[in-house]
PDB file of N, CA and C in Angstrom:
ATOM      1  N   MET A   1      -4.581  -2.756  26.141  1.00  0.00           N
ATOM      2  CA  MET A   1      -5.892  -2.179  25.302  1.00  0.00           C
ATOM      3  C   MET A   1      -6.609  -3.163  24.748  1.00  0.00           C
ATOM      4  N   ASP A   2      -8.471  -2.618  24.733  1.00  0.00           N
ATOM      5  CA  ASP A   2      -9.352  -3.609  24.530  1.00  0.00           C
ATOM      6  C   ASP A   2      -9.142  -3.913  22.918  1.00  0.00           C
ATOM      7  N   ILE A   3     -10.082  -5.354  23.175  1.00  0.00           N
ATOM      8  CA  ILE A   3      -9.645  -5.904  21.462  1.00  0.00           C
ATOM      9  C   ILE A   3     -10.422  -5.133  20.383  1.00  0.00           C
ATOM     10  N   MET A   4     -11.277  -4.323  21.080  1.00  0.00           N
ATOM     11  CA  MET A   4     -12.013  -3.220  19.831  1.00  0.00           C
ATOM     12  C   MET A   4     -10.841  -2.213  19.480  1.00  0.00           C
ATOM     13  N   ASP A   5     -10.316  -1.438  20.252  1.00  0.00           N
ATOM     14  CA  ASP A   5      -9.788  -0.661  20.296  1.00  0.00           C
ATOM     15  C   ASP A   5      -8.173  -1.028  19.319  1.00  0.00           C
ATOM     16  N   SER A   6      -7.974  -2.544  19.398  1.00  0.00           N
ATOM     17  CA  SER A   6      -6.773  -3.010  18.567  1.00  0.00           C
ATOM     18  C   SER A   6      -7.517  -2.960  17.323  1.00  0.00           C
ATOM     19  N   ILE A   7      -8.424  -3.792  17.017  1.00  0.00           N
ATOM     20  CA  ILE A   7      -9.234  -3.604  15.609  1.00  0.00           C
ATOM     21  C   ILE A   7      -9.131  -2.366  15.043  1.00  0.00           C
ATOM     22  N   LYS A   8      -9.871  -1.232  15.875  1.00  0.00           N
ATOM     23  CA  LYS A   8      -9.964  -0.035  15.329  1.00  0.00           C
ATOM     24  C   LYS A   8      -8.583   0.401  14.635  1.00  0.00           C
ATOM     25  N   GLU A   9      -7.502   0.381  15.482  1.00  0.00           N
ATOM     26  CA  GLU A   9      -6.331   0.588  15.150  1.00  0.00           C
ATOM     27  C   GLU A   9      -5.816  -0.001  14.058  1.00  0.00           C
ATOM     28  N   GLN A  10      -6.043  -1.244  13.855  1.00  0.00           N
ATOM     29  CA  GLN A  10      -5.513  -1.782  12.584  1.00  0.00           C
ATOM     30  C   GLN A  10      -6.066  -1.317  11.615  1.00  0.00           C
ATOM     31  N   ILE A  11      -7.269  -1.116  11.616  1.00  0.00           N
ATOM     32  CA  ILE A  11      -8.383  -0.784  10.493  1.00  0.00           C
ATOM     33  C   ILE A  11      -7.738   0.680   9.870  1.00  0.00           C
ATOM     34  N   GLU A  12      -7.608   1.504  11.149  1.00  0.00           N
ATOM     35  CA  GLU A  12      -7.045   3.082  11.059  1.00  0.00           C
ATOM     36  C   GLU A  12      -5.818   2.834  10.515  1.00  0.00           C
ATOM     37  N   GLY A  13      -4.835   2.062  10.489  1.00  0.00           N
ATOM     38  CA  GLY A  13      -3.380   2.435  10.306  1.00  0.00           C
ATOM     39  C   GLY A  13      -3.027   1.703   8.777  1.00  0.00           C
ATOM     40  N   ASN A  14      -3.612   0.638   8.624  1.00  0.00           N
ATOM     41  CA  ASN A  14      -3.448   0.370   6.872  1.00  0.00           C
ATOM     42  C   ASN A  14      -4.392   0.339   6.070  1.00  0.00           C
ATOM     43  N   PRO A  15      -4.026   1.260   4.717  1.00  0.00           N
ATOM     44  CA  PRO A  15      -5.040   1.650   4.004  1.00  0.00           C
ATOM     45  C   PRO A  15      -5.975   0.488   3.539  1.00  0.00           C
ATOM     46  N   VAL A  16      -5.097  -0.572   3.186  1.00  0.00           N
ATOM     47  CA  VAL A  16      -5.866  -1.466   2.443  1.00  0.00           C
ATOM     48  C   VAL A  16      -5.632  -2.822   3.683  1.00  0.00           C
ATOM     49  N   LEU A  17      -6.242  -3.311   4.056  1.00  0.00           N
ATOM     50  CA  LEU A  17      -6.512  -4.629   5.532  1.00  0.00           C
ATOM     51  C   LEU A  17      -7.432  -5.611   4.893  1.00  0.00           C
ATOM     52  N   LEU A  18      -6.405  -6.838   5.218  1.00  0.00           N
ATOM     53  CA  LEU A  18      -7.630  -7.572   4.857  1.00  0.00           C
ATOM     54  C   LEU A  18      -7.403  -8.997   5.984  1.00  0.00           C
ATOM     55  N   TYR A  19      -8.832  -9.362   6.490  1.00  0.00           N
ATOM     56  CA  TYR A  19      -8.986 -10.082   7.868  1.00  0.00           C
ATOM     57  C   TYR A  19      -9.146 -11.263   7.164  1.00  0.00           C
ATOM     58  N   MET A  20      -8.505 -12.510   7.255  1.00  0.00           N
ATOM     59  CA  MET A  20      -8.518 -13.718   6.236  1.00  0.00           C
ATOM     60  C   MET A  20      -7.597 -14.666   7.445  1.00  0.00           C
ATOM     61  N   LYS A  21      -8.477 -16.217   6.575  1.00  0.00           N
ATOM     62  CA  LYS A  21      -7.688 -17.474   7.316  1.00  0.00           C
ATOM     63  C   LYS A  21      -6.418 -17.690   7.202  1.00  0.00           C
ATOM     64  N   GLY A  22      -5.627 -17.673   7.540  1.00  0.00           N
ATOM     65  CA  GLY A  22      -4.020 -17.618   6.941  1.00  0.00           C
ATOM     66  C   GLY A  22      -3.638 -16.493   6.554  1.00  0.00           C
ATOM     67  N   ALA A  23      -2.493 -16.691   5.514  1.00  0.00           N
ATOM     68  CA  ALA A  23      -1.436 -15.789   5.079  1.00  0.00           C
ATOM     69  C   ALA A  23      -1.934 -15.691   3.703  1.00  0.00           C
ATOM     70  N   PRO A  24      -1.273 -14.792   3.022  1.00  0.00           N
ATOM     71  CA  PRO A  24      -1.833 -14.564   1.733  1.00  0.00           C
ATOM     72  C   PRO A  24      -0.550 -15.643   0.589  1.00  0.00           C
ATOM     73  N   ASN A  25      -0.018 -16.075   1.257  1.00  0.00           N
ATOM     74  CA  ASN A  25       0.895 -16.782   0.848  1.00  0.00           C
ATOM     75  C   ASN A  25       0.595 -18.367   1.146  1.00  0.00           C
ATOM     76  N   ALA A  26      -0.396 -18.819   2.110  1.00  0.00           N
ATOM     77  CA  ALA A  26      -0.735 -20.117   2.386  1.00  0.00           C
ATOM     78  C   ALA A  26      -2.274 -19.739   3.207  1.00  0.00           C
ATOM     79  N   PRO A  27      -3.169 -19.285   2.268  1.00  0.00           N
ATOM     80  CA  PRO A  27      -4.536 -18.959   2.860  1.00  0.00           C
ATOM     81  C   PRO A  27      -5.327 -20.450   3.247  1.00  0.00           C
ATOM     82  N   GLN A  28      -5.675 -20.300   4.293  1.00  0.00           N
ATOM     83  CA  GLN A  28      -6.524 -21.784   4.855  1.00  0.00           C
ATOM     84  C   GLN A  28      -8.025 -21.897   4.318  1.00  0.00           C
ATOM     85  N   CYS A  29      -8.493 -21.261   3.654  1.00  0.00           N
ATOM     86  CA  CYS A  29      -9.927 -21.326   3.179  1.00  0.00           C
ATOM     87  C   CYS A  29      -9.953 -21.162   1.711  1.00  0.00           C
ATOM     88  N   GLY A  30     -10.495 -21.579   0.832  1.00  0.00           N
ATOM     89  CA  GLY A  30     -11.278 -21.149  -0.558  1.00  0.00           C
ATOM     90  C   GLY A  30     -11.403 -19.792  -0.698  1.00  0.00           C
ATOM     91  N   PHE A  31     -12.379 -19.225   0.320  1.00  0.00           N
ATOM     92  CA  PHE A  31     -12.668 -17.849   0.230  1.00  0.00           C
ATOM     93  C   PHE A  31     -11.748 -17.088   0.447  1.00  0.00           C
ATOM     94  N   SER A  32     -10.925 -17.145   1.043  1.00  0.00           N
ATOM     95  CA  SER A  32      -9.485 -16.363   1.698  1.00  0.00           C
ATOM     96  C   SER A  32      -8.753 -16.310   0.786  1.00  0.00           C
ATOM     97  N   ALA A  33      -8.548 -17.696  -0.003  1.00  0.00           N
ATOM     98  CA  ALA A  33      -7.551 -17.700  -1.457  1.00  0.00           C
ATOM     99  C   ALA A  33      -7.959 -16.557  -2.494  1.00  0.00           C
ATOM    100  N   ARG A  34      -9.328 -16.767  -2.656  1.00  0.00           N
ATOM    101  CA  ARG A  34     -10.059 -16.402  -3.781  1.00  0.00           C
ATOM    102  C   ARG A  34      -9.526 -14.831  -3.633  1.00  0.00           C
ATOM    103  N   THR A  35     -10.111 -14.274  -2.256  1.00  0.00           N
ATOM    104  CA  THR A  35      -9.969 -12.810  -1.987  1.00  0.00           C
ATOM    105  C   THR A  35      -8.686 -12.331  -2.027  1.00  0.00           C
ATOM    106  N   VAL A  36      -7.532 -13.220  -1.560  1.00  0.00           N
ATOM    107  CA  VAL A  36      -6.175 -12.737  -1.643  1.00  0.00           C
ATOM    108  C   VAL A  36      -5.695 -12.884  -3.489  1.00  0.00           C
ATOM    109  N   GLN A  37      -6.224 -13.715  -4.159  1.00  0.00           N
ATOM    110  CA  GLN A  37      -5.893 -13.822  -5.440  1.00  0.00           C
ATOM    111  C   GLN A  37      -6.121 -12.279  -6.181  1.00  0.00           C
ATOM    112  N   ALA A  38      -7.416 -12.048  -5.779  1.00  0.00           N
ATOM    113  CA  ALA A  38      -8.264 -11.151  -6.532  1.00  0.00           C
ATOM    114  C   ALA A  38      -7.327  -9.123  -6.280  1.00  0.00           C
ATOM    115  N   LEU A  39      -7.060  -9.269  -4.924  1.00  0.00           N
ATOM    116  CA  LEU A  39      -6.233  -8.323  -4.052  1.00  0.00           C
ATOM    117  C   LEU A  39      -4.673  -8.188  -4.919  1.00  0.00           C
ATOM    118  N   MET A  40      -4.053  -9.330  -4.948  1.00  0.00           N
ATOM    119  CA  MET A  40      -2.682  -9.898  -5.788  1.00  0.00           C
ATOM    120  C   MET A  40      -2.459  -8.932  -7.138  1.00  0.00           C
ATOM    121  N   GLU A  41      -3.880  -9.359  -7.899  1.00  0.00           N
ATOM    122  CA  GLU A  41      -3.870  -8.837  -9.107  1.00  0.00           C
ATOM    123  C   GLU A  41      -4.360  -7.488  -9.353  1.00  0.00           C
ATOM    124  N   CYS A  42      -4.147  -6.706  -8.144  1.00  0.00           N
ATOM    125  CA  CYS A  42      -4.567  -5.076  -8.186  1.00  0.00           C
ATOM    126  C   CYS A  42      -2.998  -4.635  -8.158  1.00  0.00           C
ATOM    127  N   GLY A  43      -2.107  -5.684  -7.796  1.00  0.00           N
ATOM    128  CA  GLY A  43      -0.443  -5.170  -7.865  1.00  0.00           C
ATOM    129  C   GLY A  43      -0.117  -4.460  -6.752  1.00  0.00           C
ATOM    130  N   LYS A  44      -0.808  -3.974  -5.665  1.00  0.00           N
ATOM    131  CA  LYS A  44      -0.139  -3.490  -4.535  1.00  0.00           C
ATOM    132  C   LYS A  44      -0.348  -4.149  -3.498  1.00  0.00           C
ATOM    133  N   ARG A  45       0.631  -3.665  -2.182  1.00  0.00           N
ATOM    134  CA  ARG A  45       0.772  -4.009  -1.184  1.00  0.00           C
ATOM    135  C   ARG A  45      -0.374  -3.919  -0.036  1.00  0.00           C
ATOM    136  N   PHE A  46      -0.608  -4.616   0.351  1.00  0.00           N
ATOM    137  CA  PHE A  46      -1.999  -5.026   1.641  1.00  0.00           C
ATOM    138  C   PHE A  46      -1.521  -5.499   2.788  1.00  0.00           C
ATOM    139  N   ALA A  47      -2.000  -4.963   3.977  1.00  0.00           N
ATOM    140  CA  ALA A  47      -1.689  -5.600   4.979  1.00  0.00           C
ATOM    141  C   ALA A  47      -2.916  -6.925   5.080  1.00  0.00           C
ATOM    142  N   TYR A  48      -2.240  -7.681   6.402  1.00  0.00           N
ATOM    143  CA  TYR A  48      -3.570  -8.618   6.571  1.00  0.00           C
ATOM    144  C   TYR A  48      -3.631  -9.214   7.996  1.00  0.00           C
ATOM    145  N   VAL A  49      -4.268  -9.519   8.566  1.00  0.00           N
ATOM    146  CA  VAL A  49      -4.471 -10.219   9.676  1.00  0.00           C
ATOM    147  C   VAL A  49      -4.907 -11.713   9.731  1.00  0.00           C
ATOM    148  N   ASP A  50      -4.252 -12.553  10.251  1.00  0.00           N
ATOM    149  CA  ASP A  50      -4.685 -14.129  10.135  1.00  0.00           C
ATOM    150  C   ASP A  50      -5.726 -14.377  11.434  1.00  0.00           C
ATOM    151  N   VAL A  51      -7.220 -14.530  11.303  1.00  0.00           N
ATOM    152  CA  VAL A  51      -7.631 -14.543  12.487  1.00  0.00           C
ATOM    153  C   VAL A  51      -8.071 -15.998  12.937  1.00  0.00           C
ATOM    154  N   LEU A  52      -7.083 -16.687  12.554  1.00  0.00           N
ATOM    155  CA  LEU A  52      -6.775 -18.077  12.798  1.00  0.00           C
ATOM    156  C   LEU A  52      -5.869 -18.190  14.171  1.00  0.00           C
ATOM    157  N   SER A  53      -4.823 -17.264  14.087  1.00  0.00           N
ATOM    158  CA  SER A  53      -4.102 -16.878  15.278  1.00  0.00           C
ATOM    159  C   SER A  53      -4.295 -15.676  15.870  1.00  0.00           C
ATOM    160  N   ASN A  54      -5.262 -15.833  15.412  1.00  0.00           N
ATOM    161  CA  ASN A  54      -5.449 -14.011  16.531  1.00  0.00           C
ATOM    162  C   ASN A  54      -7.343 -14.418  16.559  1.00  0.00           C
ATOM    163  N   PRO A  55      -7.503 -15.231  17.805  1.00  0.00           N
ATOM    164  CA  PRO A  55      -8.720 -15.807  18.108  1.00  0.00           C
ATOM    165  C   PRO A  55      -9.908 -14.894  18.773  1.00  0.00           C
ATOM    166  N   GLU A  56      -8.707 -13.423  19.439  1.00  0.00           N
ATOM    167  CA  GLU A  56     -10.138 -12.660  19.962  1.00  0.00           C
ATOM    168  C   GLU A  56     -10.273 -11.495  18.571  1.00  0.00           C
ATOM    169  N   VAL A  57      -9.318 -11.476  17.498  1.00  0.00           N
ATOM    170  CA  VAL A  57      -9.773 -10.719  16.352  1.00  0.00           C
ATOM    171  C   VAL A  57     -11.626 -11.535  15.953  1.00  0.00           C
ATOM    172  N   ARG A  58     -10.772 -12.668  15.746  1.00  0.00           N
ATOM    173  CA  ARG A  58     -11.893 -13.579  14.906  1.00  0.00           C
ATOM    174  C   ARG A  58     -13.091 -13.030  15.804  1.00  0.00           C
ATOM    175  N   ALA A  59     -13.201 -13.563  16.667  1.00  0.00           N
ATOM    176  CA  ALA A  59     -14.275 -13.304  17.945  1.00  0.00           C
ATOM    177  C   ALA A  59     -15.083 -12.034  17.813  1.00  0.00           C
ATOM    178  N   ASN A  60     -14.395 -10.795  17.775  1.00  0.00           N
ATOM    179  CA  ASN A  60     -15.016  -9.548  17.899  1.00  0.00           C
ATOM    180  C   ASN A  60     -14.991  -8.931  16.759  1.00  0.00           C
ATOM    181  N   LEU A  61     -14.230  -8.779  15.220  1.00  0.00           N
ATOM    182  CA  LEU A  61     -14.431  -8.461  14.423  1.00  0.00           C
ATOM    183  C   LEU A  61     -15.665  -8.428  13.656  1.00  0.00           C
ATOM    184  N   PRO A  62     -16.694  -9.215  13.628  1.00  0.00           N
ATOM    185  CA  PRO A  62     -17.538  -9.307  13.482  1.00  0.00           C
ATOM    186  C   PRO A  62     -18.979  -8.486  14.075  1.00  0.00           C
ATOM    187  N   LYS A  63     -18.943  -8.033  15.015  1.00  0.00           N
ATOM    188  CA  LYS A  63     -19.351  -7.140  16.087  1.00  0.00           C
ATOM    189  C   LYS A  63     -18.710  -5.873  15.441  1.00  0.00           C
ATOM    190  N   TYR A  64     -17.621  -6.031  15.394  1.00  0.00           N
ATOM    191  CA  TYR A  64     -17.173  -4.353  15.141  1.00  0.00           C
ATOM    192  C   TYR A  64     -17.567  -3.741  13.492  1.00  0.00           C
ATOM    193  N   GLY A  65     -17.629  -4.782  12.681  1.00  0.00           N
ATOM    194  CA  GLY A  65     -18.040  -4.241  11.425  1.00  0.00           C
ATOM    195  C   GLY A  65     -19.341  -4.835  11.057  1.00  0.00           C
ATOM    196  N   ASN A  66     -19.990  -5.232  12.088  1.00  0.00           N
ATOM    197  CA  ASN A  66     -21.643  -5.933  11.506  1.00  0.00           C
ATOM    198  C   ASN A  66     -21.228  -6.609  10.087  1.00  0.00           C
ATOM    199  N   TRP A  67     -20.357  -7.416  10.281  1.00  0.00           N
ATOM    200  CA  TRP A  67     -20.024  -8.416   9.107  1.00  0.00           C
ATOM    201  C   TRP A  67     -19.798  -9.582   9.413  1.00  0.00           C
ATOM    202  N   PRO A  68     -20.547 -11.059   9.425  1.00  0.00           N
ATOM    203  CA  PRO A  68     -20.385 -12.086  10.125  1.00  0.00           C
ATOM    204  C   PRO A  68     -19.243 -13.139   9.486  1.00  0.00           C
ATOM    205  N   THR A  69     -18.591 -12.955   8.868  1.00  0.00           N
ATOM    206  CA  THR A  69     -18.158 -13.853   8.106  1.00  0.00           C
ATOM    207  C   THR A  69     -16.608 -13.255   7.597  1.00  0.00           C
ATOM    208  N   PHE A  70     -15.596 -14.261   7.416  1.00  0.00           N
ATOM    209  CA  PHE A  70     -14.409 -14.038   6.746  1.00  0.00           C
ATOM    210  C   PHE A  70     -14.107 -14.799   5.290  1.00  0.00           C
ATOM    211  N   PRO A  71     -13.335 -13.821   4.668  1.00  0.00           N
ATOM    212  CA  PRO A  71     -12.418 -12.854   4.740  1.00  0.00           C
ATOM    213  C   PRO A  71     -13.314 -11.501   4.667  1.00  0.00           C
ATOM    214  N   GLN A  72     -12.691 -10.420   5.567  1.00  0.00           N
ATOM    215  CA  GLN A  72     -13.201  -9.342   5.512  1.00  0.00           C
ATOM    216  C   GLN A  72     -11.973  -8.346   4.619  1.00  0.00           C
ATOM    217  N   LEU A  73     -12.558  -7.792   3.902  1.00  0.00           N
ATOM    218  CA  LEU A  73     -11.291  -6.531   3.351  1.00  0.00           C
ATOM    219  C   LEU A  73     -12.049  -5.222   3.815  1.00  0.00           C
ATOM    220  N   TRP A  74     -11.196  -4.431   4.006  1.00  0.00           N
ATOM    221  CA  TRP A  74     -11.181  -2.686   4.552  1.00  0.00           C
ATOM    222  C   TRP A  74     -10.606  -2.092   3.652  1.00  0.00           C
ATOM    223  N   VAL A  75     -10.641  -0.776   3.421  1.00  0.00           N
ATOM    224  CA  VAL A  75     -10.327   0.029   2.545  1.00  0.00           C
ATOM    225  C   VAL A  75     -10.680   1.646   3.155  1.00  0.00           C
ATOM    226  N   ASN A  76      -9.363   1.858   3.429  1.00  0.00           N
ATOM    227  CA  ASN A  76      -9.303   3.503   4.193  1.00  0.00           C
ATOM    228  C   ASN A  76     -10.596   3.688   5.139  1.00  0.00           C
ATOM    229  N   GLY A  77     -10.554   2.653   6.008  1.00  0.00           N
ATOM    230  CA  GLY A  77     -11.398   2.273   7.262  1.00  0.00           C
ATOM    231  C   GLY A  77     -12.746   2.083   7.065  1.00  0.00           C
ATOM    232  N   GLU A  78     -13.348   1.537   5.754  1.00  0.00           N
ATOM    233  CA  GLU A  78     -14.315   1.404   5.497  1.00  0.00           C
ATOM    234  C   GLU A  78     -14.516  -0.480   4.983  1.00  0.00           C
ATOM    235  N   LEU A  79     -15.715  -0.927   5.675  1.00  0.00           N
ATOM    236  CA  LEU A  79     -15.646  -2.440   4.920  1.00  0.00           C
ATOM    237  C   LEU A  79     -16.007  -2.343   3.612  1.00  0.00           C
ATOM    238  N   VAL A  80     -15.142  -3.392   2.740  1.00  0.00           N
ATOM    239  CA  VAL A  80     -15.562  -3.502   1.279  1.00  0.00           C
ATOM    240  C   VAL A  80     -16.269  -4.570   1.350  1.00  0.00           C
ATOM    241  N   GLY A  81     -16.388  -5.855   2.446  1.00  0.00           N
ATOM    242  CA  GLY A  81     -16.914  -6.763   2.014  1.00  0.00           C
ATOM    243  C   GLY A  81     -16.130  -7.997   2.376  1.00  0.00           C
ATOM    244  N   GLY A  82     -16.874  -9.323   1.588  1.00  0.00           N
ATOM    245  CA  GLY A  82     -15.954 -10.497   1.802  1.00  0.00           C
ATOM    246  C   GLY A  82     -15.656 -10.973   0.704  1.00  0.00           C
ATOM    247  N   CYS A  83     -15.813 -11.944   0.317  1.00  0.00           N
ATOM    248  CA  CYS A  83     -15.010 -12.873  -1.150  1.00  0.00           C
ATOM    249  C   CYS A  83     -15.985 -12.708  -1.955  1.00  0.00           C
ATOM    250  N   ASP A  84     -17.501 -12.923  -1.878  1.00  0.00           N
ATOM    251  CA  ASP A  84     -18.237 -12.476  -3.149  1.00  0.00           C
ATOM    252  C   ASP A  84     -17.834 -11.191  -3.738  1.00  0.00           C
ATOM    253  N   ILE A  85     -18.229 -10.254  -2.602  1.00  0.00           N
ATOM    254  CA  ILE A  85     -18.338  -8.771  -2.839  1.00  0.00           C
ATOM    255  C   ILE A  85     -16.762  -8.410  -3.730  1.00  0.00           C
ATOM    256  N   VAL A  86     -15.956  -8.749  -3.165  1.00  0.00           N
ATOM    257  CA  VAL A  86     -14.240  -8.547  -3.284  1.00  0.00           C
ATOM    258  C   VAL A  86     -13.970  -9.075  -4.981  1.00  0.00           C
ATOM    259  N   THR A  87     -14.640 -10.454  -4.791  1.00  0.00           N
ATOM    260  CA  THR A  87     -14.405 -10.958  -6.383  1.00  0.00           C
ATOM    261  C   THR A  87     -15.740 -10.009  -7.521  1.00  0.00           C
ATOM    262  N   GLU A  88     -16.516  -9.948  -7.109  1.00  0.00           N
ATOM    263  CA  GLU A  88     -17.296  -9.388  -8.311  1.00  0.00           C
ATOM    264  C   GLU A  88     -16.942  -8.101  -8.582  1.00  0.00           C
ATOM    265  N   MET A  89     -16.243  -7.078  -7.419  1.00  0.00           N
ATOM    266  CA  MET A  89     -15.813  -5.643  -7.982  1.00  0.00           C
ATOM    267  C   MET A  89     -14.469  -6.192  -8.741  1.00  0.00           C
ATOM    268  N   HIS A  90     -13.623  -7.381  -8.406  1.00  0.00           N
ATOM    269  CA  HIS A  90     -12.799  -7.263  -9.160  1.00  0.00           C
ATOM    270  C   HIS A  90     -12.671  -7.981 -10.976  1.00  0.00           C
ATOM    271  N   GLU A  91     -13.918  -8.710 -11.003  1.00  0.00           N
ATOM    272  CA  GLU A  91     -14.104  -9.052 -12.281  1.00  0.00           C
ATOM    273  C   GLU A  91     -14.762  -7.927 -12.988  1.00  0.00           C
ATOM    274  N   ARG A  92     -15.603  -6.784 -12.217  1.00  0.00           N
ATOM    275  CA  ARG A  92     -16.074  -5.693 -12.951  1.00  0.00           C
ATOM    276  C   ARG A  92     -15.463  -4.539 -13.014  1.00  0.00           C
ATOM    277  N   GLY A  93     -14.103  -4.784 -12.990  1.00  0.00           N
ATOM    278  CA  GLY A  93     -13.245  -3.790 -12.753  1.00  0.00           C
ATOM    279  C   GLY A  93     -12.990  -2.503 -11.931  1.00  0.00           C
ATOM    280  N   GLU A  94     -13.735  -2.617 -10.699  1.00  0.00           N
ATOM    281  CA  GLU A  94     -13.948  -1.685  -9.707  1.00  0.00           C
ATOM    282  C   GLU A  94     -12.996  -2.069  -8.628  1.00  0.00           C
ATOM    283  N   LEU A  95     -12.490  -2.799  -8.482  1.00  0.00           N
ATOM    284  CA  LEU A  95     -11.370  -3.256  -7.048  1.00  0.00           C
ATOM    285  C   LEU A  95     -10.198  -2.413  -7.427  1.00  0.00           C
ATOM    286  N   GLN A  96      -9.969  -2.610  -8.674  1.00  0.00           N
ATOM    287  CA  GLN A  96      -8.096  -1.946  -9.054  1.00  0.00           C
ATOM    288  C   GLN A  96      -8.591  -0.444  -8.651  1.00  0.00           C
ATOM    289  N   PRO A  97      -9.195   0.683  -9.084  1.00  0.00           N
ATOM    290  CA  PRO A  97      -9.084   1.972  -8.886  1.00  0.00           C
ATOM    291  C   PRO A  97      -9.488   1.995  -7.309  1.00  0.00           C
ATOM    292  N   LEU A  98     -10.327   1.428  -6.583  1.00  0.00           N
ATOM    293  CA  LEU A  98     -10.281   1.210  -5.367  1.00  0.00           C
ATOM    294  C   LEU A  98      -9.180   1.216  -4.580  1.00  0.00           C
ATOM    295  N   ILE A  99      -8.062   0.218  -4.975  1.00  0.00           N
ATOM    296  CA  ILE A  99      -7.044   0.006  -3.981  1.00  0.00           C
ATOM    297  C   ILE A  99      -6.059   0.765  -4.550  1.00  0.00           C
ATOM    298  N   SER A 100      -5.917   1.322  -6.040  1.00  0.00           N
ATOM    299  CA  SER A 100      -4.839   2.175  -6.543  1.00  0.00           C
ATOM    300  C   SER A 100      -4.969   3.479  -5.600  1.00  0.00           C
ATOM    301  N   GLU A 101      -6.351   4.006  -5.805  1.00  0.00           N
ATOM    302  CA  GLU A 101      -6.748   5.171  -4.736  1.00  0.00           C
ATOM    303  C   GLU A 101      -6.335   5.195  -3.687  1.00  0.00           C
ATOM    304  N   ALA A 102      -6.237   4.037  -2.789  1.00  0.00           N
ATOM    305  CA  ALA A 102      -5.755   3.670  -1.366  1.00  0.00           C
ATOM    306  C   ALA A 102      -4.681   3.803  -1.174  1.00  0.00           C
ATOM    307  N   VAL A 103      -3.658   2.950  -2.341  1.00  0.00           N
ATOM    308  CA  VAL A 103      -2.951   2.641  -2.040  1.00  0.00           C
ATOM    309  C   VAL A 103      -1.504   3.504  -3.202  1.00  0.00           C
ATOM    310  N   PRO A 104      -1.020   4.849  -2.415  1.00  0.00           N
ATOM    311  CA  PRO A 104      -0.112   5.640  -3.316  1.00  0.00           C
ATOM    312  C   PRO A 104       0.825   4.708  -4.203  1.00  0.00           C
ATOM    313  N   GLU A 105       1.256   5.616  -5.161  1.00  0.00           N
ATOM    314  CA  GLU A 105       2.776   5.221  -5.788  1.00  0.00           C
ATOM    315  C   GLU A 105       3.880   4.549  -4.811  1.00  0.00           C
ATOM    316  N   GLU A 106       4.375   3.709  -4.846  1.00  0.00           N
ATOM    317  CA  GLU A 106       5.815   3.896  -4.045  1.00  0.00           C
ATOM    318  C   GLU A 106       6.901   4.326  -4.494  1.00  0.00           C
ATOM    319  N   GLU A 107       7.560   4.900  -3.640  1.00  0.00           N
ATOM    320  CA  GLU A 107       8.880   5.755  -4.467  1.00  0.00           C
ATOM    321  C   GLU A 107       9.951   5.161  -4.745  1.00  0.00           C
TER     322      GLU A 107
END
C-alpha cells in the first residue's frame, strides 16, 4: 500500500487522530505535549501516530494535509490544525464540543 493511501486510511478510520512526536504519555516535543493536554482534558479517546517512529508518515503527511508542521489534529477526516489552533480552541471552549460530537458516548 502506498504511504498516501495508508495516511488516508488512518485519517478515515479514526474519528479523532493526532499525528504527534512521541506518544500521549511521553510526548517528545512541547507542541505535542500541549496538544495532548488539551485533547486529554476533553475526556474522550483518540488515536495517535508517532511521526518520529514513522518517518514515511512524517515525510508525506505535510503534503497530504497541506500543513507543514506537527502535531496535526484530524477530526472526522478534516484537518483541525496544529498546537496553536488546538490550544486556542480549547481555551475558547470550542474543542470539547468538536471532540464530543466526533466520539460518541462509550457503552
